Amino acid sequence: MHKSLARSAGKTSSGAVPLHMVTAKAAKTFLAAAKNRAGLAAAGFSGREGELLPLTVGSKVAAWVLGLGEGADAFAAATFAEKLPDGLYRLGETAKAQDGGNAALAWLLGRYGFSRYKTAKKNAPRLVVPDGVDGEEVSRIAEAVFLARDLINTPANDLGPDDLAAAARALAAAHGAKLGVIKGAALKRDFPLIEAVGRGSARPPCLIDLTWGNPKAPRVTLVGKGVCFDTGGLDLKPSAGMLTMKKDMGGAAVALAAAAMVMGAKLNLRLRVLIPAVENAVSGSAIRPGDVFKSRKGLSVEIGNTDAEGRLILADALALADEEAPELLLDIATLTGAARSATGMELPPFFTDDEPLAADLSRLSMAVNDPLWRLPLWQGYEFSLGSRVADLNNNPAYGYAGAITAALFLKRFVTRTRGWAHLDIPAWNDRVRPGRPIGGEANSARTIYALLKEHYG
């Protein structure tokens, strides 16, 4: 169990300082009922969002009270972990009305800090695991999220394709999974689009292939985009667009995070994780606009823009995944700016033609506060994928619906698997919220785990 949690026990709980969470609407009622409320009233406690005040008895803090505002933030409890001094705490009566498991997860998310290059938080408060909450499960989920965040936050000079493979290898070793890495001549022969995108970098590309679980169990495959840095290639990105491109391997990070949750929980499935890992760099060997390459599936692709490289590497990985027709195939990628324009940074879109799968993803994403929003795979935009010299062009001839046309491109490489969905995530927090600092984020990892746990738990 995570060191920021303490097991529930009579003596432990009785000595812990209670934590209360109060909405603005309930603030007056809380003040009227609270003992020793004079200090809170004098401080003007109103229950506004983020307001954190001690409830004291003499010089001793008897409790802490957090304002929730309208109560819309499911992870508001992370504020306690971020701001309270060292000590042992427990959920008070008002907080118990909240989801205890979610509050414990929020607490752990509030303890996250990326400390590879800079000292992280020094305070170390601990929370007594709420009654009925599986502390081990909550810890597994949080630690998997931390894995994804750490990978995304690591700059490209310390996280290239080989480094991403090393992270996958460490995860595989921790859970008894098998790991294969394809590179060099074998990659060029069998996965030509992956090799083509990665050839411009001094750090060679590879395909990471992790497998775990009973081979006879239902097959689930996750494909994560692993572009460790994206310059845009010869169709170079503007400098502002390049600033956060260390996060372009966010799909790979999320796939590994979801795998960590699945393997840790020992779900009854045969899991496969495929990560095409490349750096999209500029050099004399980089791909050019107008080049044509044959994909693993046999479809030829004209390069209309070298900055639409993510769909190229995913195409070869999806083709491999589709060859064994798994029961479920999910690909996760920081694929398009159009997705961010459509739904912003906090509500990633997903695409699928599988109605039950769409319903499950929508329902579970909201249930676990890891939201996704379905966008259509509109067949009317298929025309935009055409090329005069090849089967497909990676740069659609249409100025709108870029997230949809990217999904339609990927769909061409999934022909045997019925249960397929494409998730277009930002993998990034662009504003500070409780438990979610600016930087890497594991969008959809907890939703994927909830889906697999519900089906294969």
Protein backbone atom coordinates (compact mmCIF):
# COMPACT_ATOMS: atom_id res chain seq x y z
CA MET A 1 0.00 0.00 0.00
CA HIS A 2 1.19 3.53 -0.75
CA LYS A 3 3.14 5.12 2.11
CA SER A 4 0.70 8.07 2.19
CA LEU A 5 -2.08 5.74 3.35
CA ALA A 6 -2.46 4.11 6.78
CA ARG A 7 -4.45 0.98 7.49
CA SER A 8 -7.68 1.51 9.36
CA ALA A 9 -7.57 0.35 12.98
CA GLY A 10 -9.29 1.44 16.17
CA LYS A 11 -6.36 3.19 17.83
CA THR A 12 -5.03 4.52 14.54
CA SER A 13 -8.35 6.07 13.53
CA SER A 14 -9.09 7.56 16.94
CA GLY A 15 -5.81 9.44 16.95
CA ALA A 16 -6.24 10.84 13.45
CA VAL A 17 -7.33 14.42 12.77
CA PRO A 18 -10.71 14.52 10.99
CA LEU A 19 -11.09 16.17 7.58
CA HIS A 20 -14.35 17.81 6.55
CA MET A 21 -15.47 18.81 3.06
CA VAL A 22 -18.27 21.35 2.80
CA THR A 23 -19.99 22.92 -0.20
CA ALA A 24 -20.77 26.63 -0.26
CA LYS A 25 -24.45 25.78 -0.04
CA ALA A 26 -23.92 23.73 3.13
CA ALA A 27 -21.44 26.09 4.81
CA LYS A 28 -23.94 27.88 7.05
CA THR A 29 -25.46 24.61 8.24
CA PHE A 30 -22.01 23.20 8.95
CA LEU A 31 -20.98 26.27 10.94
CA ALA A 32 -24.17 26.16 12.95
CA ALA A 33 -23.58 22.50 13.90
CA ALA A 34 -19.80 22.51 14.34
CA LYS A 35 -18.24 22.65 17.76
CA ASN A 36 -15.61 25.33 18.24
CA ARG A 37 -16.86 27.06 15.12
CA ALA A 38 -15.95 30.55 16.27
CA GLY A 39 -12.54 30.43 14.60
CA LEU A 40 -14.02 29.36 11.29
CA ALA A 41 -16.72 31.99 11.46
CA ALA A 42 -14.21 34.68 12.38
CA ALA A 43 -12.05 33.65 9.44
CA GLY A 44 -15.06 34.11 7.19
CA PHE A 45 -15.37 30.48 6.10
CA SER A 46 -17.88 30.35 3.25
CA GLY A 47 -17.23 26.98 1.65
CA ARG A 48 -15.76 28.52 -1.47
CA GLU A 49 -13.74 26.16 -3.65
CA GLY A 50 -10.23 25.51 -2.33
CA GLU A 51 -10.77 27.28 1.01
CA LEU A 52 -8.88 25.30 3.67
CA LEU A 53 -9.02 26.29 7.35
CA PRO A 54 -8.28 24.64 10.68
CA LEU A 55 -10.93 24.10 13.33
CA THR A 56 -9.08 24.65 16.61
CA VAL A 57 -9.56 23.88 20.29
CA GLY A 58 -7.31 26.29 22.11
CA SER A 59 -3.96 26.02 20.36
CA LYS A 60 -4.68 22.52 19.03
CA VAL A 61 -6.05 21.77 15.57
CA ALA A 62 -9.08 19.54 16.12
CA ALA A 63 -10.03 19.23 12.44
CA TRP A 64 -9.54 20.75 8.99
CA VAL A 65 -12.35 22.00 6.78
CA LEU A 66 -12.16 22.26 2.99
CA GLY A 67 -14.55 24.33 0.91
CA LEU A 68 -15.88 22.61 -2.20
CA GLY A 69 -17.68 25.53 -3.86
CA GLU A 70 -20.41 23.93 -5.94
CA GLY A 71 -18.84 20.52 -5.33
CA ALA A 72 -18.08 19.83 -8.99
CA ASP A 73 -14.45 18.73 -8.56
CA ALA A 74 -14.33 15.01 -7.83
CA PHE A 75 -10.68 15.25 -6.73
CA ALA A 76 -11.02 18.22 -4.36
CA ALA A 77 -9.74 16.04 -1.48
CA ALA A 78 -6.30 16.17 -3.10
CA THR A 79 -6.02 19.68 -1.62
CA PHE A 80 -5.61 18.11 1.83
CA ALA A 81 -2.64 16.02 0.71
CA GLU A 82 -1.07 18.96 -1.09
CA LYS A 83 -1.33 21.49 1.75
CA LEU A 84 -1.62 19.83 5.15
CA PRO A 85 1.40 19.45 7.43
CA ASP A 86 2.76 16.09 8.50
CA GLY A 87 0.35 14.07 10.58
CA LEU A 88 -2.28 11.37 10.51
CA TYR A 89 -5.73 12.22 9.16
CA ARG A 90 -9.07 10.56 8.55
CA LEU A 91 -12.26 11.48 6.73
CA GLY A 92 -14.69 13.29 9.00
CA GLU A 93 -18.46 12.84 9.00
CA THR A 94 -19.08 15.38 6.26
CA ALA A 95 -16.39 13.84 4.07
CA LYS A 96 -17.80 10.35 4.56
CA ALA A 97 -20.74 11.40 2.46
CA GLN A 98 -18.26 11.50 -0.43
CA ASP A 99 -17.06 8.39 -2.25
CA GLY A 100 -14.36 7.04 0.10
CA GLY A 101 -12.45 5.30 -2.66
CA ASN A 102 -12.42 8.41 -4.77
CA ALA A 103 -11.34 10.52 -1.79
CA ALA A 104 -8.45 8.13 -1.10
CA LEU A 105 -7.42 8.23 -4.75
CA ALA A 106 -7.64 12.03 -4.72
CA TRP A 107 -5.41 12.06 -1.62
CA LEU A 108 -2.79 9.98 -3.41
CA LEU A 109 -2.98 12.08 -6.57
CA GLY A 110 -2.31 15.08 -4.37
CA ARG A 111 0.96 13.48 -3.28
CA TYR A 112 2.34 13.32 -6.83
CA GLY A 113 5.39 15.34 -7.75
CA PHE A 114 7.83 14.92 -10.62
CA SER A 115 11.13 14.79 -8.77
CA ARG A 116 13.66 13.50 -11.28
CA TYR A 117 15.29 16.90 -11.66
CA LYS A 118 13.82 18.90 -8.79
CA THR A 119 13.03 18.22 -5.14
CA ALA A 120 9.39 17.21 -4.68
CA LYS A 121 7.05 17.90 -1.75
CA LYS A 122 8.61 17.66 1.70
CA ASN A 123 5.44 17.35 3.77
CA ALA A 124 4.26 13.78 4.28
CA PRO A 125 0.74 13.61 5.71
CA ARG A 126 -0.98 10.21 5.88
CA LEU A 127 -4.64 9.31 5.47
CA VAL A 128 -6.35 6.43 7.27
CA VAL A 129 -7.94 4.27 4.57
CA PRO A 130 -11.69 4.92 4.70
CA ASP A 131 -13.94 2.04 5.77
CA GLY A 132 -14.85 -0.26 2.91
CA VAL A 133 -12.03 0.98 0.67
CA ASP A 134 -9.39 -1.37 -0.72
CA GLY A 135 -6.19 0.54 0.00
CA GLU A 136 -4.11 -1.82 -2.10
CA GLU A 137 -6.32 -1.31 -5.14
CA VAL A 138 -6.37 2.47 -4.79
CA SER A 139 -2.59 2.46 -4.39
CA ARG A 140 -2.10 0.32 -7.52
CA ILE A 141 -4.22 2.71 -9.54
CA ALA A 142 -2.42 5.81 -8.25
CA GLU A 143 1.04 4.33 -8.77
CA ALA A 144 0.14 3.41 -12.35
CA VAL A 145 -1.02 6.97 -12.96
CA PHE A 146 2.29 8.18 -11.49
CA LEU A 147 4.17 5.88 -13.89
CA ALA A 148 2.42 7.46 -16.86
CA ARG A 149 2.92 10.99 -15.56
CA ASP A 150 6.61 10.39 -14.92
CA LEU A 151 7.16 9.01 -18.42
CA ILE A 152 5.32 11.90 -20.05
CA ASN A 153 7.09 14.52 -17.93
CA THR A 154 10.55 13.13 -18.71
CA PRO A 155 12.19 15.25 -21.42
CA ALA A 156 13.18 13.67 -24.70
CA ASN A 157 16.92 13.81 -23.97
CA ASP A 158 16.29 11.19 -21.28
CA LEU A 159 13.39 9.34 -22.93
CA GLY A 160 14.00 8.07 -26.45
CA PRO A 161 12.68 4.86 -28.03
CA ASP A 162 15.20 2.66 -26.19
CA ASP A 163 14.36 4.33 -22.88
CA LEU A 164 10.65 3.75 -23.45
CA ALA A 165 11.44 0.10 -24.18
CA ALA A 166 13.43 -0.06 -20.93
CA ALA A 167 10.42 1.27 -18.99
CA ALA A 168 8.22 -1.39 -20.56
CA ARG A 169 10.84 -4.02 -19.78
CA ALA A 170 10.92 -3.01 -16.11
CA LEU A 171 7.13 -3.18 -15.91
CA ALA A 172 7.11 -6.60 -17.59
CA ALA A 173 9.73 -7.91 -15.18
CA ALA A 174 7.71 -6.68 -12.18
CA HIS A 175 4.65 -8.64 -13.29
CA GLY A 176 6.12 -11.69 -14.99
CA ALA A 177 5.15 -10.54 -18.48
CA LYS A 178 7.04 -11.26 -21.69
CA LEU A 179 8.61 -8.44 -23.67
CA GLY A 180 9.95 -8.35 -27.19
CA VAL A 181 11.51 -5.39 -28.99
CA ILE A 182 11.71 -5.36 -32.80
CA LYS A 183 14.18 -2.99 -34.42
CA GLY A 184 16.68 -2.75 -37.27
CA ALA A 185 16.26 -4.82 -40.42
CA ALA A 186 13.30 -6.76 -39.01
CA LEU A 187 11.46 -3.51 -38.32
CA LYS A 188 12.13 -2.18 -41.82
CA ARG A 189 10.91 -5.43 -43.38
CA ASP A 190 7.78 -6.04 -41.29
CA PHE A 191 6.77 -2.57 -40.08
CA PRO A 192 7.81 -0.18 -42.83
CA LEU A 193 5.77 2.81 -41.67
CA ILE A 194 7.26 2.70 -38.17
CA GLU A 195 10.75 2.47 -39.61
CA ALA A 196 10.08 5.27 -42.09
CA VAL A 197 8.91 7.73 -39.43
CA GLY A 198 11.80 6.93 -37.10
CA ARG A 199 14.60 6.85 -39.66
CA GLY A 200 15.29 10.58 -39.42
CA SER A 201 16.53 10.29 -35.83
CA ALA A 202 19.94 9.17 -34.58
CA ARG A 203 17.99 7.11 -32.04
CA PRO A 204 16.55 4.16 -33.95
CA PRO A 205 12.83 3.31 -33.82
CA CYS A 206 11.43 0.09 -32.42
CA LEU A 207 8.20 -1.80 -31.80
CA ILE A 208 7.66 -2.84 -28.17
CA ASP A 209 5.53 -5.96 -27.69
CA LEU A 210 4.45 -6.92 -24.14
CA THR A 211 2.27 -9.96 -23.42
CA TRP A 212 0.86 -11.15 -20.10
CA GLY A 213 -1.73 -13.57 -18.78
CA ASN A 214 -3.28 -16.90 -19.66
CA PRO A 215 -2.97 -17.49 -23.43
CA LYS A 216 -6.40 -19.19 -23.34
CA ALA A 217 -8.12 -16.21 -21.70
CA PRO A 218 -9.98 -13.52 -23.72
CA ARG A 219 -7.52 -11.43 -25.72
CA VAL A 220 -7.25 -7.70 -25.16
CA THR A 221 -4.71 -5.53 -26.96
CA LEU A 222 -3.70 -1.96 -26.21
CA VAL A 223 -1.76 0.04 -28.79
CA GLY A 224 -0.06 3.22 -27.54
CA LYS A 225 1.52 5.91 -29.69
CA GLY A 226 5.16 6.28 -28.67
CA VAL A 227 6.52 9.37 -30.42
CA CYS A 228 9.18 10.36 -27.90
CA PHE A 229 9.58 13.76 -29.49
CA ASP A 230 7.85 15.30 -32.48
CA THR A 231 9.56 18.09 -34.40
CA GLY A 232 6.97 17.71 -37.12
CA GLY A 233 9.67 16.34 -39.41
CA LEU A 234 10.44 18.33 -42.55
CA ASP A 235 7.01 19.98 -42.35
CA LEU A 236 8.39 21.47 -39.15
CA LYS A 237 6.16 22.44 -36.24
CA PRO A 238 6.29 26.08 -35.09
CA SER A 239 8.32 26.51 -31.91
CA ALA A 240 5.25 27.08 -29.73
CA GLY A 241 3.79 23.79 -30.90
CA MET A 242 7.03 21.96 -30.15
CA LEU A 243 7.34 23.06 -26.51
CA THR A 244 5.30 20.16 -25.08
CA MET A 245 6.12 17.52 -27.68
CA LYS A 246 7.86 15.35 -25.10
CA LYS A 247 4.26 14.33 -24.33
CA ASP A 248 3.73 12.85 -27.78
CA MET A 249 4.40 9.41 -26.31
CA GLY A 250 1.45 9.89 -23.92
CA GLY A 251 -0.53 7.10 -25.57
CA ALA A 252 2.29 4.67 -24.83
CA ALA A 253 2.48 5.90 -21.23
CA VAL A 254 -1.26 5.39 -20.76
CA ALA A 255 -1.12 1.90 -22.30
CA LEU A 256 1.64 0.96 -19.83
CA ALA A 257 -0.29 2.50 -16.92
CA ALA A 258 -3.44 0.57 -17.80
CA ALA A 259 -1.34 -2.59 -18.17
CA ALA A 260 0.15 -2.02 -14.71
CA MET A 261 -3.35 -1.82 -13.23
CA VAL A 262 -4.54 -4.93 -15.08
CA MET A 263 -1.51 -7.03 -14.20
CA GLY A 264 -1.49 -5.85 -10.60
CA ALA A 265 -5.13 -6.86 -10.22
CA LYS A 266 -4.50 -10.17 -12.04
CA LEU A 267 -7.54 -9.82 -14.26
CA ASN A 268 -8.60 -12.88 -16.24
CA LEU A 269 -7.44 -11.89 -19.71
CA ARG A 270 -4.51 -12.27 -22.06
CA LEU A 271 -3.13 -8.77 -22.37
CA ARG A 272 -0.96 -7.50 -25.19
CA VAL A 273 0.55 -4.01 -25.33
CA LEU A 274 2.07 -2.76 -28.59
CA ILE A 275 4.06 0.47 -28.64
CA PRO A 276 5.61 1.81 -31.84
CA ALA A 277 8.41 3.97 -30.41
CA VAL A 278 10.06 6.63 -32.58
CA GLU A 279 11.45 10.13 -32.63
CA ASN A 280 10.14 12.26 -35.48
CA ALA A 281 13.31 14.19 -36.25
CA VAL A 282 14.77 16.26 -39.09
CA SER A 283 17.76 14.94 -41.03
CA GLY A 284 18.87 13.91 -44.49
CA SER A 285 17.25 10.51 -43.99
CA ALA A 286 13.90 11.82 -42.75
CA ILE A 287 10.78 11.09 -44.77
CA ARG A 288 9.67 13.79 -47.23
CA PRO A 289 6.28 15.10 -48.33
CA GLY A 290 5.33 13.13 -51.42
CA ASP A 291 7.14 9.93 -50.40
CA VAL A 292 5.12 6.71 -50.65
CA PHE A 293 5.51 3.71 -48.36
CA LYS A 294 3.87 0.33 -48.21
CA SER A 295 2.34 -0.46 -44.81
CA ARG A 296 2.42 -3.79 -42.98
CA LYS A 297 -1.19 -4.33 -44.08
CA GLY A 298 -0.20 -3.85 -47.72
CA LEU A 299 -1.92 -0.50 -48.18
CA SER A 300 0.34 2.15 -49.69
CA VAL A 301 0.45 5.55 -48.02
CA GLU A 302 1.51 8.84 -49.55
CA ILE A 303 3.10 11.28 -47.11
CA GLY A 304 1.09 14.47 -47.43
CA ASN A 305 2.57 15.94 -44.26
CA THR A 306 5.41 14.61 -42.12
CA ASP A 307 3.72 16.05 -39.02
CA ALA A 308 0.89 13.52 -39.36
CA GLU A 309 3.30 10.78 -38.32
CA GLY A 310 1.37 9.33 -35.38
CA ARG A 311 -1.24 7.66 -37.55
CA LEU A 312 1.53 6.10 -39.65
CA ILE A 313 3.20 4.27 -36.78
CA LEU A 314 -0.15 3.32 -35.26
CA ALA A 315 -1.24 1.88 -38.62
CA ASP A 316 1.51 -0.76 -38.61
CA ALA A 317 0.96 -1.60 -34.94
CA LEU A 318 -2.80 -1.85 -35.40
CA ALA A 319 -2.31 -4.11 -38.40
CA LEU A 320 -0.24 -6.47 -36.27
CA ALA A 321 -2.77 -6.38 -33.43
CA ASP A 322 -5.64 -7.00 -35.84
CA GLU A 323 -4.01 -10.11 -37.30
CA GLU A 324 -4.97 -12.14 -34.22
CA ALA A 325 -8.44 -10.52 -34.00
CA PRO A 326 -8.49 -9.87 -30.25
CA GLU A 327 -11.79 -9.60 -28.44
CA LEU A 328 -11.01 -5.96 -27.71
CA LEU A 329 -8.52 -3.58 -29.32
CA LEU A 330 -7.96 -0.06 -28.02
CA ASP A 331 -5.47 2.46 -29.38
CA ILE A 332 -4.49 5.50 -27.36
CA ALA A 333 -2.70 8.45 -28.91
CA THR A 334 -1.95 12.15 -28.62
CA LEU A 335 -3.01 12.32 -32.24
CA THR A 336 -4.62 15.58 -33.32
CA GLY A 337 -4.88 19.22 -32.41
CA ALA A 338 -8.37 19.01 -33.88
CA ALA A 339 -9.43 16.83 -30.94
CA ARG A 340 -8.27 19.53 -28.54
CA SER A 341 -10.16 22.17 -30.53
CA ALA A 342 -13.30 20.03 -30.42
CA THR A 343 -13.42 19.03 -26.75
CA GLY A 344 -10.54 20.82 -25.01
CA MET A 345 -7.82 19.43 -22.78
CA GLU A 346 -10.05 17.84 -20.15
CA LEU A 347 -12.52 15.81 -22.21
CA PRO A 348 -10.71 13.55 -24.70
CA PRO A 349 -12.79 12.19 -27.57
CA PHE A 350 -13.04 8.54 -28.58
CA PHE A 351 -14.26 6.85 -31.73
CA THR A 352 -15.84 3.45 -32.32
CA ASP A 353 -18.55 1.73 -34.35
CA ASP A 354 -19.17 -0.77 -31.54
CA GLU A 355 -22.27 0.53 -29.76
CA PRO A 356 -21.99 -1.56 -26.55
CA LEU A 357 -18.32 -0.61 -26.26
CA ALA A 358 -19.16 3.07 -26.79
CA ALA A 359 -21.82 2.92 -24.08
CA ASP A 360 -19.41 1.24 -21.65
CA LEU A 361 -16.62 3.74 -22.27
CA SER A 362 -18.95 6.70 -21.82
CA ARG A 363 -20.55 5.33 -18.66
CA LEU A 364 -17.37 4.14 -16.95
CA SER A 365 -15.34 7.23 -17.81
CA MET A 366 -17.84 9.36 -15.92
CA ALA A 367 -18.15 6.85 -13.08
CA VAL A 368 -14.40 6.91 -12.37
CA ASN A 369 -13.98 10.64 -13.08
CA ASP A 370 -11.72 10.03 -16.08
CA PRO A 371 -14.04 11.54 -18.69
CA LEU A 372 -14.24 10.66 -22.37
CA TRP A 373 -16.66 11.93 -25.02
CA ARG A 374 -17.73 10.02 -28.11
CA LEU A 375 -17.29 11.64 -31.53
CA PRO A 376 -18.62 10.06 -34.73
CA LEU A 377 -16.71 7.96 -37.25
CA TRP A 378 -18.48 9.85 -40.01
CA GLN A 379 -18.10 7.85 -43.21
CA GLY A 380 -18.91 10.89 -45.31
CA TYR A 381 -15.36 12.12 -44.75
CA GLU A 382 -13.74 8.99 -46.21
CA PHE A 383 -13.16 10.85 -49.48
CA SER A 384 -10.51 12.97 -47.76
CA LEU A 385 -8.16 10.00 -47.31
CA GLY A 386 -7.64 9.49 -51.04
CA SER A 387 -4.39 9.89 -52.96
CA ARG A 388 -3.69 10.10 -56.69
CA VAL A 389 -0.62 7.88 -56.37
CA ALA A 390 -1.31 5.60 -53.38
CA ASP A 391 -4.11 3.87 -51.50
CA LEU A 392 -4.15 6.53 -48.79
CA ASN A 393 -2.74 9.94 -47.95
CA ASN A 394 -1.84 10.70 -44.33
CA ASN A 395 -2.86 14.36 -44.73
CA PRO A 396 -6.61 14.47 -45.45
CA ALA A 397 -7.74 16.75 -48.27
CA TYR A 398 -10.31 18.45 -46.06
CA GLY A 399 -9.86 21.43 -43.79
CA TYR A 400 -12.22 20.31 -41.05
CA ALA A 401 -12.94 17.36 -38.71
CA GLY A 402 -9.27 16.45 -38.35
CA ALA A 403 -9.85 14.16 -35.36
CA ILE A 404 -12.52 12.24 -37.30
CA THR A 405 -10.48 11.87 -40.47
CA ALA A 406 -7.50 10.64 -38.40
CA ALA A 407 -9.75 8.01 -36.79
CA LEU A 408 -11.05 6.97 -40.21
CA PHE A 409 -7.45 6.53 -41.39
CA LEU A 410 -6.70 4.20 -38.47
CA LYS A 411 -9.92 2.27 -39.06
CA ARG A 412 -8.57 1.18 -42.45
CA PHE A 413 -6.03 -0.96 -40.59
CA VAL A 414 -8.53 -2.73 -38.32
CA THR A 415 -10.60 -5.12 -40.40
CA ARG A 416 -10.90 -8.31 -38.33
CA THR A 417 -11.45 -6.99 -34.81
CA ARG A 418 -14.99 -5.88 -34.07
CA GLY A 419 -14.37 -4.41 -30.62
CA TRP A 420 -12.08 -1.49 -31.55
CA ALA A 421 -11.95 2.06 -30.22
CA HIS A 422 -9.55 4.92 -30.86
CA LEU A 423 -8.87 7.39 -28.01
CA ASP A 424 -7.38 10.79 -28.94
CA ILE A 425 -5.98 12.13 -25.65
CA PRO A 426 -3.95 15.23 -24.69
CA ALA A 427 -1.90 13.41 -21.99
CA TRP A 428 -1.39 16.81 -20.40
CA ASN A 429 -2.85 19.12 -17.77
CA ASP A 430 -2.68 22.72 -18.93
CA ARG A 431 -3.96 24.23 -15.67
CA VAL A 432 -3.52 23.46 -11.98
CA ARG A 433 -6.34 21.61 -10.23
CA PRO A 434 -6.28 19.52 -7.03
CA GLY A 435 -4.21 16.38 -7.68
CA ARG A 436 -3.56 17.43 -11.27
CA PRO A 437 -0.50 19.68 -11.60
CA ILE A 438 0.46 21.15 -14.95
CA GLY A 439 2.25 18.45 -16.93
CA GLY A 440 1.77 14.84 -17.94
CA GLU A 441 -1.57 13.15 -17.36
CA ALA A 442 -2.79 9.57 -17.79
CA ASN A 443 -6.06 10.43 -19.56
CA SER A 444 -8.21 7.30 -20.04
CA ALA A 445 -5.95 4.86 -18.14
CA ARG A 446 -8.40 4.48 -15.27
CA THR A 447 -11.34 4.21 -17.66
CA ILE A 448 -9.62 1.43 -19.59
CA TYR A 449 -8.89 -0.41 -16.35
CA ALA A 450 -12.50 0.00 -15.16
CA LEU A 451 -13.71 -1.40 -18.49
CA LEU A 452 -11.42 -4.42 -18.34
CA LYS A 453 -12.15 -5.02 -14.66
CA GLU A 454 -15.89 -4.99 -15.31
CA HIS A 455 -15.57 -7.44 -18.20
CA TYR A 456 -12.74 -9.66 -16.96
CA GLY A 457 -12.59 -9.13 -13.19
